[in-house]
């Protein structure tokens, strides 16, 4: 069953997302308000594996009040191809350039509270270029983690970003069927 949207209003708009309220009417007459974050644009997560090592970035995340180790990620520009966003984010955050990208899948990070979709890419034929960070990315540090240390880093709580954990799951599932 899908409800009818009776009313939709924007409660807050920022450069990065909006907060919306929609009044829903369900079959049978039940009505209620749904509040959610609307990010508007999809975002990308990029996985790079080279020489049995995984490329990660470390940066301070103010909302979580901690430093986070995660895959490079960022928002797609309006109207841009998703692959172009993957290439831009990889180069901005790490200085790496990819010869090609393989889309591993997509997911909703918080399906009940956020209208946003993440697309996961595996970057191939990667070469070192020059970082092109914007002013919000100045504290980003590049880290390489050996594949053999991945599970240990999760167990120890060093890798806690949900997007990174979901992206890795998509990678492992695709790898298991021959990518």
Foldseek 3Di string as FASTA:
>chain_A
DAWDFPDKDWPADDPFWTWIWTWTADPVGDIDIAIAIERPFAKEFEWEADPQKTKWKWDQDVVVRGIATATQMDTDDVPDDRVVRVQLRCCQQFQKGAPDKDWLDKDDLCVRHYNYMYIYIYGHPIDGGHHNHDPVRVRMDMDIGHNVCVVVCVVVVRHDDPVRVVNVVSVVVCVVVPD
